[in-house]
C-alpha atoms as a PDB file:
ATOM      1  CA  UNK A   1     -24.935   5.174  -1.656  1.00  0.00           C
ATOM      2  CA  UNK A   2     -25.191   2.980   1.378  1.00  0.00           C
ATOM      3  CA  UNK A   3     -22.180   1.123   2.756  1.00  0.00           C
ATOM      4  CA  UNK A   4     -23.074  -2.207   1.104  1.00  0.00           C
ATOM      5  CA  UNK A   5     -23.415  -0.513  -2.276  1.00  0.00           C
ATOM      6  CA  UNK A   6     -20.009   1.122  -1.739  1.00  0.00           C
ATOM      7  CA  UNK A   7     -18.451  -2.235  -0.847  1.00  0.00           C
ATOM      8  CA  UNK A   8     -19.997  -3.871  -3.918  1.00  0.00           C
ATOM      9  CA  UNK A   9     -18.627  -1.097  -6.138  1.00  0.00           C
ATOM     10  CA  UNK A  10     -15.150  -1.507  -4.604  1.00  0.00           C
ATOM     11  CA  UNK A  11     -15.288  -5.276  -5.214  1.00  0.00           C
ATOM     12  CA  UNK A  12     -16.222  -4.699  -8.858  1.00  0.00           C
ATOM     13  CA  UNK A  13     -13.391  -2.223  -9.357  1.00  0.00           C
ATOM     14  CA  UNK A  14     -10.830  -4.482  -7.660  1.00  0.00           C
ATOM     15  CA  UNK A  15     -11.860  -7.351  -9.940  1.00  0.00           C
ATOM     16  CA  UNK A  16     -10.828  -5.184 -12.922  1.00  0.00           C
ATOM     17  CA  UNK A  17      -7.316  -4.473 -11.603  1.00  0.00           C
ATOM     18  CA  UNK A  18      -4.484  -6.146 -13.501  1.00  0.00           C
ATOM     19  CA  UNK A  19      -1.535  -4.205 -12.051  1.00  0.00           C
ATOM     20  CA  UNK A  20       0.356  -6.372  -9.524  1.00  0.00           C
ATOM     21  CA  UNK A  21       1.984  -3.309  -7.988  1.00  0.00           C
ATOM     22  CA  UNK A  22      -1.418  -1.799  -7.219  1.00  0.00           C
ATOM     23  CA  UNK A  23      -2.645  -5.077  -5.748  1.00  0.00           C
ATOM     24  CA  UNK A  24       0.426  -5.217  -3.490  1.00  0.00           C
ATOM     25  CA  UNK A  25      -0.116  -1.620  -2.329  1.00  0.00           C
ATOM     26  CA  UNK A  26      -3.780  -2.318  -1.633  1.00  0.00           C
ATOM     27  CA  UNK A  27      -2.777  -5.412   0.328  1.00  0.00           C
ATOM     28  CA  UNK A  28      -0.355  -3.349   2.427  1.00  0.00           C
ATOM     29  CA  UNK A  29      -3.022  -0.708   3.023  1.00  0.00           C
ATOM     30  CA  UNK A  30      -5.502  -3.303   4.236  1.00  0.00           C
ATOM     31  CA  UNK A  31      -2.859  -4.943   6.404  1.00  0.00           C
ATOM     32  CA  UNK A  32      -1.976  -1.620   7.996  1.00  0.00           C
ATOM     33  CA  UNK A  33      -5.640  -0.900   8.712  1.00  0.00           C
ATOM     34  CA  UNK A  34      -6.062  -4.328  10.259  1.00  0.00           C
ATOM     35  CA  UNK A  35      -2.894  -3.909  12.332  1.00  0.00           C
ATOM     36  CA  UNK A  36      -4.845  -1.899  14.882  1.00  0.00           C
ATOM     37  CA  UNK A  37      -5.969  -5.215  16.367  1.00  0.00           C
ATOM     38  CA  UNK A  38      -2.390  -6.541  16.498  1.00  0.00           C
ATOM     39  CA  UNK A  39       0.114  -5.523  19.150  1.00  0.00           C
ATOM     40  CA  UNK A  40       2.659  -2.920  18.108  1.00  0.00           C
ATOM     41  CA  UNK A  41       5.641  -5.306  17.991  1.00  0.00           C
ATOM     42  CA  UNK A  42       3.829  -7.618  15.592  1.00  0.00           C
ATOM     43  CA  UNK A  43       2.718  -4.677  13.454  1.00  0.00           C
ATOM     44  CA  UNK A  44       6.273  -3.322  13.395  1.00  0.00           C
ATOM     45  CA  UNK A  45       7.661  -6.689  12.314  1.00  0.00           C
ATOM     46  CA  UNK A  46       4.986  -7.015   9.627  1.00  0.00           C
ATOM     47  CA  UNK A  47       5.882  -3.565   8.284  1.00  0.00           C
ATOM     48  CA  UNK A  48       9.543  -4.594   8.085  1.00  0.00           C
ATOM     49  CA  UNK A  49       8.692  -7.881   6.341  1.00  0.00           C
ATOM     50  CA  UNK A  50       6.506  -6.025   3.834  1.00  0.00           C
ATOM     51  CA  UNK A  51       9.250  -3.475   3.187  1.00  0.00           C
ATOM     52  CA  UNK A  52      11.831  -6.210   2.616  1.00  0.00           C
ATOM     53  CA  UNK A  53       9.451  -7.983   0.231  1.00  0.00           C
ATOM     54  CA  UNK A  54       9.001  -4.745  -1.714  1.00  0.00           C
ATOM     55  CA  UNK A  55      12.759  -4.265  -1.936  1.00  0.00           C
ATOM     56  CA  UNK A  56      13.256  -7.847  -3.160  1.00  0.00           C
ATOM     57  CA  UNK A  57      10.658  -7.177  -5.877  1.00  0.00           C
ATOM     58  CA  UNK A  58      12.499  -4.031  -6.925  1.00  0.00           C
ATOM     59  CA  UNK A  59       9.658  -1.808  -5.739  1.00  0.00           C
ATOM     60  CA  UNK A  60      11.694   1.089  -4.378  1.00  0.00           C
ATOM     61  CA  UNK A  61      13.184   4.445  -5.391  1.00  0.00           C
ATOM     62  CA  UNK A  62      16.862   5.259  -5.645  1.00  0.00           C
ATOM     63  CA  UNK A  63      18.152   8.109  -3.521  1.00  0.00           C
ATOM     64  CA  UNK A  64      18.214  10.415  -6.566  1.00  0.00           C
ATOM     65  CA  UNK A  65      14.644   9.445  -7.522  1.00  0.00           C
ATOM     66  CA  UNK A  66      13.459  10.087  -3.961  1.00  0.00           C
ATOM     67  CA  UNK A  67      15.108  13.516  -3.973  1.00  0.00           C
ATOM     68  CA  UNK A  68      13.370  14.418  -7.237  1.00  0.00           C
ATOM     69  CA  UNK A  69      10.026  13.304  -5.841  1.00  0.00           C
ATOM     70  CA  UNK A  70      10.599  15.294  -2.636  1.00  0.00           C
ATOM     71  CA  UNK A  71      11.345  18.441  -4.666  1.00  0.00           C
ATOM     72  CA  UNK A  72       7.814  18.278  -6.100  1.00  0.00           C
ATOM     73  CA  UNK A  73       6.081  18.048  -2.722  1.00  0.00           C
ATOM     74  CA  UNK A  74       3.947  21.050  -2.015  1.00  0.00           C
ATOM     75  CA  UNK A  75       4.065  22.283  -5.609  1.00  0.00           C
ATOM     76  CA  UNK A  76       0.839  22.105  -7.559  1.00  0.00           C
END
């Protein structure tokens, strides 16, 4: 596929998404990619704002949950 066909496919797939958590993660991914044009202080502050927003929304792991996830790293 050429790049425009890939972009069209991505648009179609995004239009099907109903999960707000996924949309938020995709938004953060795109923001982080676009941060290359922003100075590092601004990017750092944006990362902090995004993290605080995620915490306010309850989108985080407890310490115990994080430890359980970390135990699975590298095991497949």
